[in-house]
Amino acid sequence: MSEGEKIVRKRQHPGRGRGKGRAHPKGRQLDLTAQAEVASLLRDRPRNRDLLIEYLHLIQDSQGCLPAAHLAALADEMRIPMAEVYEVASFYAHFDIVREDEAKPPALTVRVCDSLTCEMMGAQTLLKDLAAKYGGSVRLLPAPCMGRCDTAPVAEVGHRHVTQATVENISTAIDGGDHSPIVPDYRDLDAYQADGGYALLRACRDGDTTVDDILAALDDSGLRGLGGAGFPTGRKWQFVRAEPKPRYLTVNADEGEPGTFKDRHYLETDPHRFLEGMLIAAWAVEADRAYIYLRDEYPQVNKLLQTEIAKLVEFGLVAESYVELRRGAGAYICGEESAMIESLEGKRGLPRHRPPYVAQVGLFDRPTLVNNVETLYWIRDIMQKGSGWFAEQGRNGGKGLRSYSVSGRVKKPGVKLAPAGITVRELIEEFCGGMADGHAFKGYLPGGASGGILPASKGDLPLEFGKLEGEGCFVGSHAVVILSDQDDMGDVARNLMRFFEDESCGQCTPCRVGTEKAVALMSNGPWDEALLEELGRAMTDASICGLGQAAANPLFSVLKHFREEVV
């Protein structure tokens, strides 16, 4: 080619490919049938981003899974990226994503709880026997705590729970055909109002009872957050009131701590006592809206709350849409308040770094009051019976009443309303009918899976906030699991660590990798004490939230009090 000659290349129009325009955009194309089905499910519901998880539930309930075509249609309908829809759906255990080349799961799923109390009562044997009987005709899954530890072992057939489960009664539930939840008898709005219900709320709104009256009573009563943290309730309300409007209220009804079931008990027996407390709290902090985040393992509570909230609207006690009931989707981490708020916003339930705290920057980046179900349940009684009545109920330095979820090796497990500060020996003898026949008291979990393990020799310590920390334990949500001489403490600790491994959100390395490594080290012969302690300290010191920070507590407890069984 001589100097000055040029090569002239014909330019193609961008997007024309090999000279031809595309018939459709690159990537996954919308399935018209799936698009029509998703549009029919959503109807005239708002396409708000925070409702993504609710709409994933709609698809899961209608299809039995989340087909890829329906996820793509939902992304298009809500005008959000498919990748974002997928990452949210894949985060939660109760969503079943089915790709284009995969078959749908069996129409019926049977979940068997394998958390500590259920495993103590034979859950693993039950899973094996069910697998031998049903093969692949139903889908069998181990599942974390279902909040029914007092009736262990527990299974869920579809959305119908089977307590004290056996192969026989599970088979009866499968063959019965109706797999919907059973709504228990409860005190409805009419019965609650006949007993003076909502008189306090009306007094607040009419000005007969002031915010200062409520706050003073809460402070004098010593009422604390009963979801696990134990923060003074009145002080929390004051913090939120001091922040600029708009403000929100959220209720943490996602009690996923293994061994805990007290909130379920109150929700399915006397829901309006809690609802009135919630509406008083919302009034006190002048919340623009109230949200209830309910764990998906309580479908019967979901049904009854939908019914009773609709009645509140009908009777003019709340404006329509003021109270929003949201379903969790099987993620223990969403019991942590900032993870719960992320989930309420339709995102993955990843805990936030703090500060800022949710009282300052919470739901939709606005100041947010977060309360537990039981905390709100006590508001009416404290105001009507007096703060002194509540405060004087304690024992051994405790203040108030506590609802202890008791399970394990006792004759009468269940929710026990007892004085704050009661000891575990007093709880067993006075409220649980003593130890189960043939079992001798060996140890106990004072605060669920994360609260550590104490030996029977420590059975005279008060079960109250601030009383167990010196032993490396805490009372948390007041979930008490009783262990006996027939329980292997190494097995107990491994069960709890497997739970934390499964439920880690994966956001931070110390928790994500640490729980996995701990399970492996605890499962291979005698424990390497030095290595496990080093690993546990790294998890405790470096994890973002309470899950990783507390995951090593059972490990440390067993090494401290039951070392001869594992080393």
Protein backbone atom coordinates (compact mmCIF):
# COMPACT_ATOMS: atom_id res chain seq x y z
CA MET A 1 0.00 0.00 0.00
CA SER A 2 1.48 3.28 -1.08
CA GLU A 3 1.81 6.22 1.23
CA GLY A 4 -1.34 8.24 1.29
CA GLU A 5 -3.64 5.36 0.53
CA LYS A 6 -6.37 4.80 3.06
CA ILE A 7 -8.47 1.81 4.02
CA VAL A 8 -12.10 2.78 4.06
CA ARG A 9 -14.32 0.60 6.28
CA LYS A 10 -18.07 0.66 6.13
CA ARG A 11 -19.50 1.65 9.50
CA GLN A 12 -22.48 -0.22 10.87
CA HIS A 13 -25.24 1.41 12.82
CA PRO A 14 -24.91 0.59 16.55
CA GLY A 15 -27.20 -2.25 17.50
CA ARG A 16 -27.69 -3.58 13.98
CA GLY A 17 -25.38 -6.51 14.53
CA ARG A 18 -24.54 -8.10 11.20
CA GLY A 19 -26.45 -5.58 9.26
CA LYS A 20 -29.80 -6.53 10.73
CA GLY A 21 -31.73 -5.03 13.60
CA ARG A 22 -32.66 -7.20 16.57
CA ALA A 23 -36.20 -8.42 16.87
CA HIS A 24 -35.99 -8.07 20.65
CA PRO A 25 -33.53 -6.83 23.33
CA LYS A 26 -30.62 -8.93 24.47
CA GLY A 27 -31.05 -11.13 27.54
CA ARG A 28 -33.98 -13.04 29.06
CA GLN A 29 -37.23 -12.34 27.27
CA LEU A 30 -40.53 -11.96 29.05
CA ASP A 31 -42.81 -14.96 29.00
CA LEU A 32 -46.23 -13.62 28.11
CA THR A 33 -48.08 -16.23 30.17
CA ALA A 34 -45.96 -15.52 33.23
CA GLN A 35 -46.37 -11.80 32.67
CA ALA A 36 -50.16 -12.13 32.60
CA GLU A 37 -50.18 -14.31 35.74
CA VAL A 38 -48.01 -11.87 37.70
CA ALA A 39 -50.11 -8.89 36.60
CA SER A 40 -53.24 -10.78 37.69
CA LEU A 41 -51.73 -11.49 41.11
CA LEU A 42 -50.70 -7.89 41.69
CA ARG A 43 -53.91 -6.37 40.21
CA ASP A 44 -54.18 -2.79 41.43
CA ARG A 45 -51.70 -3.15 44.26
CA PRO A 46 -49.07 -0.40 44.33
CA ARG A 47 -45.78 -1.29 42.65
CA ASN A 48 -43.77 0.11 45.57
CA ARG A 49 -40.24 -1.22 45.95
CA ASP A 50 -40.74 -2.14 49.62
CA LEU A 51 -43.49 -4.60 48.67
CA LEU A 52 -41.14 -6.88 46.72
CA ILE A 53 -41.10 -9.62 49.38
CA GLU A 54 -44.88 -9.50 49.71
CA TYR A 55 -45.20 -10.03 45.96
CA LEU A 56 -42.66 -12.85 46.02
CA HIS A 57 -44.94 -14.51 48.58
CA LEU A 58 -47.91 -14.08 46.23
CA ILE A 59 -46.06 -15.91 43.45
CA GLN A 60 -44.71 -18.61 45.79
CA ASP A 61 -48.19 -19.27 47.19
CA SER A 62 -49.83 -19.44 43.75
CA GLN A 63 -47.13 -21.41 41.90
CA GLY A 64 -45.66 -23.46 44.74
CA CYS A 65 -42.28 -21.98 43.85
CA LEU A 66 -40.69 -18.98 42.11
CA PRO A 67 -40.26 -19.85 38.42
CA ALA A 68 -37.58 -17.82 36.65
CA ALA A 69 -40.12 -16.54 34.12
CA HIS A 70 -42.29 -15.16 36.93
CA LEU A 71 -39.32 -13.47 38.58
CA ALA A 72 -38.51 -11.77 35.28
CA ALA A 73 -42.14 -10.71 34.92
CA LEU A 74 -42.18 -9.33 38.48
CA ALA A 75 -38.99 -7.36 37.81
CA ASP A 76 -40.58 -5.86 34.72
CA GLU A 77 -43.86 -5.13 36.52
CA MET A 78 -42.07 -3.33 39.39
CA ARG A 79 -39.47 -1.67 37.16
CA ILE A 80 -36.50 -3.00 39.11
CA PRO A 81 -33.50 -5.04 37.86
CA MET A 82 -33.90 -8.80 37.59
CA ALA A 83 -30.64 -9.22 39.50
CA GLU A 84 -32.12 -7.33 42.44
CA VAL A 85 -35.26 -9.49 42.46
CA TYR A 86 -33.14 -12.64 42.31
CA GLU A 87 -30.79 -11.66 45.11
CA VAL A 88 -33.71 -10.87 47.42
CA ALA A 89 -35.58 -14.07 46.57
CA SER A 90 -32.47 -16.22 47.03
CA PHE A 91 -31.74 -14.73 50.46
CA TYR A 92 -34.83 -16.16 52.19
CA ALA A 93 -35.30 -19.85 52.99
CA HIS A 94 -39.03 -19.97 52.24
CA PHE A 95 -38.66 -18.98 48.58
CA ASP A 96 -37.97 -21.77 46.08
CA ILE A 97 -36.38 -20.45 42.88
CA VAL A 98 -36.81 -22.72 39.87
CA ARG A 99 -34.65 -21.98 36.83
CA GLU A 100 -35.78 -22.50 33.25
CA ASP A 101 -34.23 -25.97 32.97
CA GLU A 102 -35.38 -27.21 36.38
CA ALA A 103 -38.51 -29.07 37.42
CA LYS A 104 -40.82 -27.66 40.04
CA PRO A 105 -40.56 -29.19 43.53
CA PRO A 106 -43.27 -31.62 44.67
CA ALA A 107 -46.60 -29.95 45.34
CA LEU A 108 -46.34 -30.63 49.07
CA THR A 109 -43.44 -29.70 51.35
CA VAL A 110 -43.07 -31.19 54.83
CA ARG A 111 -40.66 -29.38 57.12
CA VAL A 112 -39.41 -31.02 60.30
CA CYS A 113 -37.87 -28.77 62.93
CA ASP A 114 -34.31 -29.84 63.80
CA SER A 115 -33.50 -27.13 66.35
CA LEU A 116 -32.32 -28.12 69.79
CA THR A 117 -35.49 -29.17 71.63
CA CYS A 118 -36.93 -30.98 68.61
CA GLU A 119 -33.64 -32.80 68.05
CA MET A 120 -33.65 -33.82 71.72
CA MET A 121 -37.12 -35.28 71.13
CA GLY A 122 -36.17 -37.33 68.07
CA ALA A 123 -36.38 -35.04 65.02
CA GLN A 124 -33.52 -36.74 63.14
CA THR A 125 -35.11 -40.18 63.49
CA LEU A 126 -38.41 -38.71 62.37
CA LEU A 127 -36.83 -37.26 59.22
CA LYS A 128 -35.25 -40.61 58.33
CA ASP A 129 -38.50 -42.52 58.87
CA LEU A 130 -40.48 -40.06 56.76
CA ALA A 131 -37.91 -40.27 53.96
CA ALA A 132 -38.17 -44.06 53.99
CA LYS A 133 -41.95 -43.91 53.76
CA TYR A 134 -42.49 -41.13 51.21
CA GLY A 135 -39.33 -41.07 49.11
CA GLY A 136 -39.70 -38.28 46.57
CA SER A 137 -43.49 -38.01 46.58
CA VAL A 138 -43.31 -35.14 49.04
CA ARG A 139 -40.46 -32.78 49.68
CA LEU A 140 -38.91 -33.32 53.13
CA LEU A 141 -36.79 -30.52 54.58
CA PRO A 142 -35.13 -29.97 57.95
CA ALA A 143 -36.10 -26.55 59.24
CA PRO A 144 -34.99 -24.21 62.03
CA CYS A 145 -37.08 -23.49 65.11
CA MET A 146 -40.82 -23.12 64.40
CA GLY A 147 -41.69 -21.52 67.73
CA ARG A 148 -43.43 -24.58 69.20
CA CYS A 149 -40.64 -26.02 71.34
CA ASP A 150 -43.05 -26.94 74.13
CA THR A 151 -44.71 -29.48 71.84
CA ALA A 152 -41.55 -30.94 70.27
CA PRO A 153 -40.92 -32.53 67.87
CA VAL A 154 -42.78 -30.32 65.40
CA ALA A 155 -43.46 -30.62 61.68
CA GLU A 156 -45.20 -28.38 59.16
CA VAL A 157 -47.23 -30.06 56.41
CA GLY A 158 -47.76 -27.32 53.86
CA HIS A 159 -48.85 -24.56 56.23
CA ARG A 160 -50.40 -26.88 58.83
CA HIS A 161 -48.34 -27.58 61.95
CA VAL A 162 -48.23 -31.00 63.55
CA THR A 163 -47.11 -30.97 67.17
CA GLN A 164 -45.60 -33.87 69.11
CA ALA A 165 -45.06 -35.20 65.62
CA THR A 166 -44.84 -38.84 64.67
CA VAL A 167 -44.80 -40.59 61.33
CA GLU A 168 -48.42 -41.53 61.98
CA ASN A 169 -49.87 -38.07 62.71
CA ILE A 170 -47.78 -36.47 59.95
CA SER A 171 -49.13 -39.07 57.52
CA THR A 172 -52.65 -38.27 58.68
CA ALA A 173 -52.04 -34.58 57.95
CA ILE A 174 -50.57 -35.38 54.52
CA ASP A 175 -53.46 -37.67 53.55
CA GLY A 176 -56.08 -35.27 54.92
CA GLY A 177 -55.64 -32.96 51.95
CA ASP A 178 -56.19 -29.69 53.84
CA HIS A 179 -52.75 -28.23 54.47
CA SER A 180 -53.84 -24.74 55.44
CA PRO A 181 -53.08 -23.31 58.89
CA ILE A 182 -55.43 -23.98 61.80
CA VAL A 183 -56.49 -20.72 63.44
CA PRO A 184 -56.86 -21.29 67.20
CA ASP A 185 -59.65 -19.90 69.35
CA TYR A 186 -58.73 -16.40 70.49
CA ARG A 187 -60.28 -13.31 72.05
CA ASP A 188 -61.58 -11.24 69.14
CA LEU A 189 -62.39 -7.52 69.00
CA ASP A 190 -65.91 -7.84 70.38
CA ALA A 191 -64.78 -9.85 73.41
CA TYR A 192 -61.82 -7.54 74.00
CA GLN A 193 -63.92 -4.38 73.91
CA ALA A 194 -66.53 -5.93 76.20
CA ASP A 195 -63.74 -6.20 78.79
CA GLY A 196 -62.74 -2.54 78.51
CA GLY A 197 -60.43 -2.94 75.56
CA TYR A 198 -59.34 0.20 73.68
CA ALA A 199 -60.63 2.49 76.45
CA LEU A 200 -57.04 3.47 77.19
CA LEU A 201 -56.34 4.21 73.52
CA ARG A 202 -59.44 6.42 73.35
CA ALA A 203 -58.36 8.19 76.55
CA CYS A 204 -54.98 8.92 74.98
CA ARG A 205 -56.50 10.28 71.78
CA ASP A 206 -59.09 12.33 73.68
CA GLY A 207 -56.46 13.96 75.89
CA ASP A 208 -57.56 12.33 79.15
CA THR A 209 -54.22 10.51 79.29
CA THR A 210 -51.13 12.41 78.13
CA VAL A 211 -47.89 11.25 76.62
CA ASP A 212 -46.11 12.34 79.79
CA ASP A 213 -48.48 10.13 81.81
CA ILE A 214 -47.58 7.12 79.67
CA LEU A 215 -43.83 7.79 79.71
CA ALA A 216 -43.78 8.29 83.48
CA ALA A 217 -45.65 5.02 84.03
CA LEU A 218 -43.28 3.12 81.76
CA ASP A 219 -40.24 4.50 83.58
CA ASP A 220 -41.69 3.74 87.03
CA SER A 221 -42.73 0.22 86.05
CA GLY A 222 -39.28 -0.73 84.83
CA LEU A 223 -40.72 -2.19 81.62
CA ARG A 224 -37.91 -3.21 79.29
CA GLY A 225 -37.68 -4.46 75.74
CA LEU A 226 -38.59 -8.14 75.96
CA GLY A 227 -37.30 -9.24 72.58
CA GLY A 228 -33.82 -9.81 73.98
CA ALA A 229 -31.99 -6.52 74.42
CA GLY A 230 -33.80 -5.36 77.55
CA PHE A 231 -33.55 -1.63 76.79
CA PRO A 232 -35.85 0.55 78.97
CA THR A 233 -39.07 1.04 77.01
CA GLY A 234 -39.92 4.57 78.16
CA ARG A 235 -36.44 5.84 77.34
CA LYS A 236 -36.60 4.34 73.85
CA TRP A 237 -39.93 6.11 73.19
CA GLN A 238 -38.42 9.41 74.36
CA PHE A 239 -35.43 9.01 72.04
CA VAL A 240 -37.70 8.54 69.03
CA ARG A 241 -39.99 11.45 70.04
CA ALA A 242 -36.94 13.73 70.10
CA GLU A 243 -36.20 13.05 66.43
CA PRO A 244 -37.78 15.05 63.59
CA LYS A 245 -40.92 13.89 61.81
CA PRO A 246 -42.02 11.84 59.96
CA ARG A 247 -41.56 8.84 62.24
CA TYR A 248 -42.53 5.19 61.99
CA LEU A 249 -43.28 2.34 64.37
CA THR A 250 -42.25 -1.24 63.66
CA VAL A 251 -43.12 -4.34 65.67
CA ASN A 252 -40.61 -7.15 65.75
CA ALA A 253 -42.78 -10.27 65.72
CA ASP A 254 -40.04 -12.39 64.16
CA GLU A 255 -39.14 -14.44 67.23
CA GLY A 256 -36.79 -16.91 65.59
CA GLU A 257 -34.53 -17.57 68.59
CA PRO A 258 -34.57 -21.36 69.15
CA GLY A 259 -36.54 -22.04 72.31
CA THR A 260 -38.70 -18.89 72.07
CA PHE A 261 -42.47 -19.00 71.57
CA LYS A 262 -43.97 -16.49 74.03
CA ASP A 263 -44.97 -13.92 71.40
CA ARG A 264 -46.85 -16.58 69.45
CA HIS A 265 -48.74 -17.48 72.61
CA TYR A 266 -49.93 -13.91 73.16
CA LEU A 267 -50.67 -13.26 69.48
CA GLU A 268 -52.88 -16.30 69.09
CA THR A 269 -54.75 -15.92 72.38
CA ASP A 270 -55.23 -12.19 73.07
CA PRO A 271 -54.04 -10.27 69.98
CA HIS A 272 -55.88 -7.02 70.75
CA ARG A 273 -54.03 -6.47 74.01
CA PHE A 274 -50.88 -6.29 71.91
CA LEU A 275 -52.57 -4.26 69.15
CA GLU A 276 -53.83 -1.68 71.63
CA GLY A 277 -50.34 -1.36 73.10
CA MET A 278 -48.96 -0.92 69.58
CA LEU A 279 -51.45 1.83 68.71
CA ILE A 280 -50.70 3.64 72.00
CA ALA A 281 -46.98 3.49 71.20
CA ALA A 282 -47.66 4.81 67.70
CA TRP A 283 -49.74 7.64 69.19
CA ALA A 284 -47.04 8.48 71.72
CA VAL A 285 -44.28 8.86 69.13
CA GLU A 286 -46.67 10.32 66.53
CA ALA A 287 -45.84 7.62 64.02
CA ASP A 288 -47.10 8.13 60.47
CA ARG A 289 -47.57 4.39 60.04
CA ALA A 290 -47.18 1.13 61.98
CA TYR A 291 -45.64 -2.04 60.55
CA ILE A 292 -45.85 -5.54 62.02
CA TYR A 293 -43.09 -7.86 60.82
CA LEU A 294 -44.39 -11.39 61.49
CA ARG A 295 -42.32 -14.53 61.04
CA ASP A 296 -43.58 -16.72 58.23
CA GLU A 297 -43.62 -19.75 60.54
CA TYR A 298 -46.79 -18.33 62.13
CA PRO A 299 -49.34 -18.54 59.26
CA GLN A 300 -52.24 -18.99 61.68
CA VAL A 301 -51.32 -15.72 63.41
CA ASN A 302 -51.08 -14.02 60.02
CA LYS A 303 -54.67 -15.03 59.23
CA LEU A 304 -56.14 -13.91 62.54
CA LEU A 305 -54.24 -10.61 62.53
CA GLN A 306 -55.49 -9.85 59.02
CA THR A 307 -59.03 -10.44 60.28
CA GLU A 308 -58.69 -8.37 63.44
CA ILE A 309 -56.82 -5.46 61.83
CA ALA A 310 -59.63 -5.24 59.26
CA LYS A 311 -62.10 -5.01 62.17
CA LEU A 312 -60.09 -2.13 63.67
CA VAL A 313 -60.52 -0.25 60.41
CA GLU A 314 -64.21 -1.12 60.25
CA PHE A 315 -64.78 0.19 63.80
CA GLY A 316 -62.86 3.39 63.11
CA LEU A 317 -60.04 2.64 65.56
CA VAL A 318 -57.41 3.02 62.83
CA ALA A 319 -57.36 4.48 59.37
CA GLU A 320 -57.18 2.09 56.44
CA SER A 321 -53.59 1.09 55.63
CA TYR A 322 -52.26 2.68 58.83
CA VAL A 323 -51.24 -0.76 60.12
CA GLU A 324 -49.31 -2.86 57.62
CA LEU A 325 -48.81 -6.56 58.28
CA ARG A 326 -45.71 -7.95 56.56
CA ARG A 327 -44.55 -11.55 56.27
CA GLY A 328 -41.02 -12.63 56.91
CA ALA A 329 -39.67 -15.41 54.73
CA GLY A 330 -37.58 -17.69 56.90
CA ALA A 331 -34.54 -15.68 57.97
CA TYR A 332 -33.52 -15.70 61.65
CA ILE A 333 -31.30 -12.69 61.08
CA CYS A 334 -34.40 -10.53 60.53
CA GLY A 335 -35.01 -10.69 64.26
CA GLU A 336 -32.17 -8.16 64.48
CA GLU A 337 -33.85 -4.78 64.26
CA SER A 338 -31.84 -3.23 61.44
CA ALA A 339 -32.04 -6.44 59.36
CA MET A 340 -35.80 -6.45 59.96
CA ILE A 341 -36.01 -2.89 58.67
CA GLU A 342 -34.03 -3.83 55.56
CA SER A 343 -36.52 -6.65 54.98
CA LEU A 344 -39.47 -4.30 55.51
CA GLU A 345 -37.98 -2.19 52.73
CA GLY A 346 -38.10 -5.23 50.45
CA LYS A 347 -34.38 -6.00 50.58
CA ARG A 348 -32.15 -8.76 51.83
CA GLY A 349 -32.15 -8.84 55.62
CA LEU A 350 -28.57 -7.66 56.10
CA PRO A 351 -27.82 -5.96 59.44
CA ARG A 352 -26.76 -2.34 59.19
CA HIS A 353 -23.61 -0.85 60.63
CA ARG A 354 -24.34 1.35 63.63
CA PRO A 355 -24.35 4.25 64.32
CA PRO A 356 -26.68 5.67 63.17
CA TYR A 357 -29.24 3.79 65.23
CA VAL A 358 -32.71 2.99 63.96
CA ALA A 359 -34.25 5.49 66.39
CA GLN A 360 -32.51 8.12 64.26
CA VAL A 361 -32.28 6.53 60.80
CA GLY A 362 -34.59 3.56 60.52
CA LEU A 363 -37.36 2.56 58.12
CA PHE A 364 -37.13 4.55 54.88
CA ASP A 365 -34.29 6.49 56.58
CA ARG A 366 -36.68 8.02 59.10
CA PRO A 367 -36.69 7.82 62.93
CA THR A 368 -38.25 4.50 63.88
CA LEU A 369 -39.52 2.98 67.11
CA VAL A 370 -38.93 -0.79 67.24
CA ASN A 371 -40.74 -2.77 69.95
CA ASN A 372 -41.26 -6.44 70.71
CA VAL A 373 -44.75 -8.00 70.89
CA GLU A 374 -44.61 -8.79 74.61
CA THR A 375 -43.33 -5.32 75.47
CA LEU A 376 -46.41 -3.76 73.88
CA TYR A 377 -48.66 -6.42 75.42
CA TRP A 378 -48.02 -5.01 78.91
CA ILE A 379 -48.89 -1.34 78.18
CA ARG A 380 -52.59 -1.59 79.03
CA ASP A 381 -52.06 -3.53 82.26
CA ILE A 382 -49.37 -1.13 83.48
CA MET A 383 -51.59 1.89 82.89
CA GLN A 384 -54.74 0.34 84.37
CA LYS A 385 -53.21 -1.54 87.33
CA GLY A 386 -50.44 0.94 88.01
CA SER A 387 -46.71 0.98 87.44
CA GLY A 388 -46.17 -0.12 91.05
CA TRP A 389 -48.22 -3.27 90.48
CA PHE A 390 -45.91 -4.31 87.67
CA ALA A 391 -42.66 -3.28 89.34
CA GLU A 392 -43.34 -5.14 92.58
CA GLN A 393 -43.76 -8.50 90.84
CA GLY A 394 -40.03 -9.25 90.67
CA ARG A 395 -37.91 -11.67 92.66
CA ASN A 396 -34.21 -11.77 93.55
CA GLY A 397 -33.69 -8.16 92.50
CA GLY A 398 -35.76 -8.44 89.31
CA LYS A 399 -38.50 -5.96 88.45
CA GLY A 400 -41.76 -6.88 86.74
CA LEU A 401 -43.24 -9.97 85.14
CA ARG A 402 -41.61 -12.13 82.49
CA SER A 403 -42.96 -14.68 80.05
CA TYR A 404 -40.49 -17.57 80.10
CA SER A 405 -40.62 -19.98 77.16
CA VAL A 406 -39.69 -23.27 78.84
CA SER A 407 -38.95 -26.44 76.88
CA GLY A 408 -36.81 -29.54 77.20
CA ARG A 409 -36.70 -32.09 80.00
CA VAL A 410 -39.52 -30.87 82.23
CA LYS A 411 -42.95 -32.34 82.90
CA LYS A 412 -44.93 -29.26 81.93
CA PRO A 413 -43.23 -27.12 79.27
CA GLY A 414 -44.87 -23.97 77.92
CA VAL A 415 -45.09 -20.21 78.44
CA LYS A 416 -44.72 -19.50 82.16
CA LEU A 417 -45.68 -16.05 83.45
CA ALA A 418 -43.37 -15.63 86.43
CA PRO A 419 -41.60 -12.90 88.42
CA ALA A 420 -38.58 -11.35 86.79
CA GLY A 421 -35.43 -12.66 88.45
CA ILE A 422 -36.81 -16.10 89.26
CA THR A 423 -34.14 -18.82 89.27
CA VAL A 424 -34.26 -21.81 86.97
CA ARG A 425 -34.69 -24.18 89.94
CA GLU A 426 -37.70 -22.18 91.10
CA LEU A 427 -39.05 -22.13 87.55
CA ILE A 428 -38.75 -25.91 87.20
CA GLU A 429 -40.28 -26.75 90.56
CA GLU A 430 -42.96 -24.05 90.87
CA PHE A 431 -44.12 -23.70 87.28
CA CYS A 432 -43.08 -26.82 85.34
CA GLY A 433 -43.99 -29.68 87.65
CA GLY A 434 -40.35 -30.71 88.13
CA MET A 435 -38.06 -32.62 85.80
CA ALA A 436 -39.45 -35.16 83.38
CA ASP A 437 -39.59 -38.70 84.70
CA GLY A 438 -36.23 -40.45 84.49
CA HIS A 439 -34.27 -37.23 83.96
CA ALA A 440 -31.90 -35.46 86.35
CA PHE A 441 -31.21 -31.73 85.97
CA LYS A 442 -27.83 -31.25 84.29
CA GLY A 443 -27.82 -27.79 82.67
CA TYR A 444 -29.88 -25.17 80.92
CA LEU A 445 -29.97 -22.51 78.26
CA PRO A 446 -31.10 -19.31 80.02
CA GLY A 447 -31.70 -17.26 76.86
CA GLY A 448 -32.15 -19.43 73.79
CA ALA A 449 -29.45 -20.53 71.37
CA SER A 450 -27.32 -17.39 71.74
CA GLY A 451 -27.58 -17.02 75.53
CA GLY A 452 -24.99 -19.66 76.42
CA ILE A 453 -25.29 -22.82 78.56
CA LEU A 454 -25.03 -23.08 82.33
CA PRO A 455 -24.63 -26.19 84.53
CA ALA A 456 -27.16 -27.21 87.16
CA SER A 457 -24.74 -25.92 89.82
CA LYS A 458 -25.55 -22.41 88.54
CA GLY A 459 -29.29 -23.02 88.86
CA ASP A 460 -29.78 -20.43 91.62
CA LEU A 461 -28.81 -17.42 89.52
CA PRO A 462 -31.64 -14.94 88.74
CA LEU A 463 -33.00 -15.18 85.20
CA GLU A 464 -32.91 -11.45 84.58
CA PHE A 465 -31.11 -8.83 82.51
CA GLY A 466 -27.63 -8.07 83.82
CA LYS A 467 -27.52 -11.06 86.20
CA LEU A 468 -25.84 -13.71 84.01
CA GLU A 469 -23.30 -11.71 82.05
CA GLY A 470 -20.58 -12.52 84.59
CA GLU A 471 -20.99 -16.16 83.57
CA GLY A 472 -20.69 -15.34 79.87
CA CYS A 473 -24.44 -15.80 79.38
CA PHE A 474 -27.56 -13.67 79.15
CA VAL A 475 -31.31 -14.11 79.52
CA GLY A 476 -32.19 -12.55 76.14
CA SER A 477 -35.73 -13.43 75.10
CA HIS A 478 -36.24 -15.56 78.25
CA ALA A 479 -36.15 -18.83 76.31
CA VAL A 480 -35.18 -21.50 78.84
CA VAL A 481 -34.25 -24.97 77.58
CA ILE A 482 -33.74 -27.59 80.31
CA LEU A 483 -31.08 -30.27 79.77
CA SER A 484 -30.69 -33.53 81.65
CA ASP A 485 -28.17 -36.27 82.34
CA GLN A 486 -29.36 -37.94 79.12
CA ASP A 487 -28.16 -35.05 76.92
CA ASP A 488 -24.66 -34.93 75.44
CA MET A 489 -23.37 -31.37 75.81
CA GLY A 490 -21.14 -31.67 72.76
CA ASP A 491 -24.19 -32.58 70.68
CA VAL A 492 -26.10 -29.65 72.18
CA ALA A 493 -23.36 -27.17 71.23
CA ARG A 494 -23.01 -28.63 67.73
CA ASN A 495 -26.74 -28.32 67.13
CA LEU A 496 -26.67 -24.67 68.13
CA MET A 497 -23.59 -23.90 66.03
CA ARG A 498 -25.14 -25.60 62.97
CA PHE A 499 -28.12 -23.32 63.45
CA PHE A 500 -25.91 -20.22 63.42
CA GLU A 501 -24.05 -21.53 60.38
CA ASP A 502 -27.33 -21.99 58.49
CA GLU A 503 -28.74 -18.64 59.56
CA SER A 504 -25.68 -16.44 59.05
CA CYS A 505 -26.57 -13.76 56.51
CA GLY A 506 -23.06 -14.02 55.04
CA GLN A 507 -22.37 -10.30 55.10
CA CYS A 508 -19.28 -10.44 57.31
CA THR A 509 -16.44 -12.96 57.08
CA PRO A 510 -15.99 -13.67 60.81
CA CYS A 511 -19.55 -14.95 61.08
CA ARG A 512 -19.91 -16.53 57.62
CA VAL A 513 -16.63 -18.44 57.71
CA GLY A 514 -16.29 -18.69 61.48
CA THR A 515 -19.53 -20.60 62.04
CA GLU A 516 -18.68 -23.01 59.21
CA LYS A 517 -15.20 -23.67 60.58
CA ALA A 518 -16.52 -24.05 64.12
CA VAL A 519 -19.03 -26.71 63.04
CA ALA A 520 -16.25 -28.63 61.27
CA LEU A 521 -13.88 -28.42 64.25
CA MET A 522 -16.63 -29.44 66.69
CA SER A 523 -17.61 -32.46 64.56
CA ASN A 524 -14.24 -34.17 64.12
CA GLY A 525 -13.23 -36.03 67.26
CA PRO A 526 -12.08 -34.31 70.45
CA TRP A 527 -12.25 -30.54 70.31
CA ASP A 528 -9.08 -28.50 69.72
CA GLU A 529 -9.69 -26.21 72.68
CA ALA A 530 -7.10 -23.55 71.86
CA LEU A 531 -8.08 -23.28 68.21
CA LEU A 532 -11.81 -23.15 68.95
CA GLU A 533 -11.32 -20.46 71.58
CA GLU A 534 -9.26 -18.38 69.16
CA LEU A 535 -11.90 -18.80 66.45
CA GLY A 536 -14.70 -17.94 68.89
CA ARG A 537 -12.95 -14.75 70.01
CA ALA A 538 -12.50 -13.65 66.39
CA MET A 539 -16.23 -14.17 65.72
CA THR A 540 -17.20 -12.33 68.90
CA ASP A 541 -14.90 -9.36 68.34
CA ALA A 542 -15.26 -8.82 64.60
CA SER A 543 -18.82 -9.76 63.57
CA ILE A 544 -21.19 -6.96 62.56
CA CYS A 545 -24.26 -8.02 64.54
CA GLY A 546 -25.42 -10.06 67.48
CA LEU A 547 -25.68 -13.32 65.55
CA GLY A 548 -21.95 -13.62 64.95
CA GLN A 549 -21.06 -11.92 68.23
CA ALA A 550 -23.08 -14.46 70.24
CA ALA A 551 -22.64 -17.58 68.08
CA ALA A 552 -19.64 -18.77 70.08
CA ASN A 553 -21.43 -18.52 73.46
CA PRO A 554 -22.54 -22.19 73.50
CA LEU A 555 -19.02 -23.22 72.49
CA PHE A 556 -17.41 -21.19 75.27
CA SER A 557 -19.98 -22.44 77.80
CA VAL A 558 -19.34 -26.10 77.07
CA LEU A 559 -15.56 -25.61 77.23
CA LYS A 560 -15.97 -23.84 80.57
CA HIS A 561 -18.54 -26.02 82.32
CA PHE A 562 -18.56 -29.39 80.50
CA ARG A 563 -15.00 -29.60 79.21
CA GLU A 564 -14.58 -33.26 80.12
CA GLU A 565 -17.29 -34.21 77.59
CA VAL A 566 -15.61 -32.70 74.53
CA VAL A 567 -11.83 -32.34 75.04
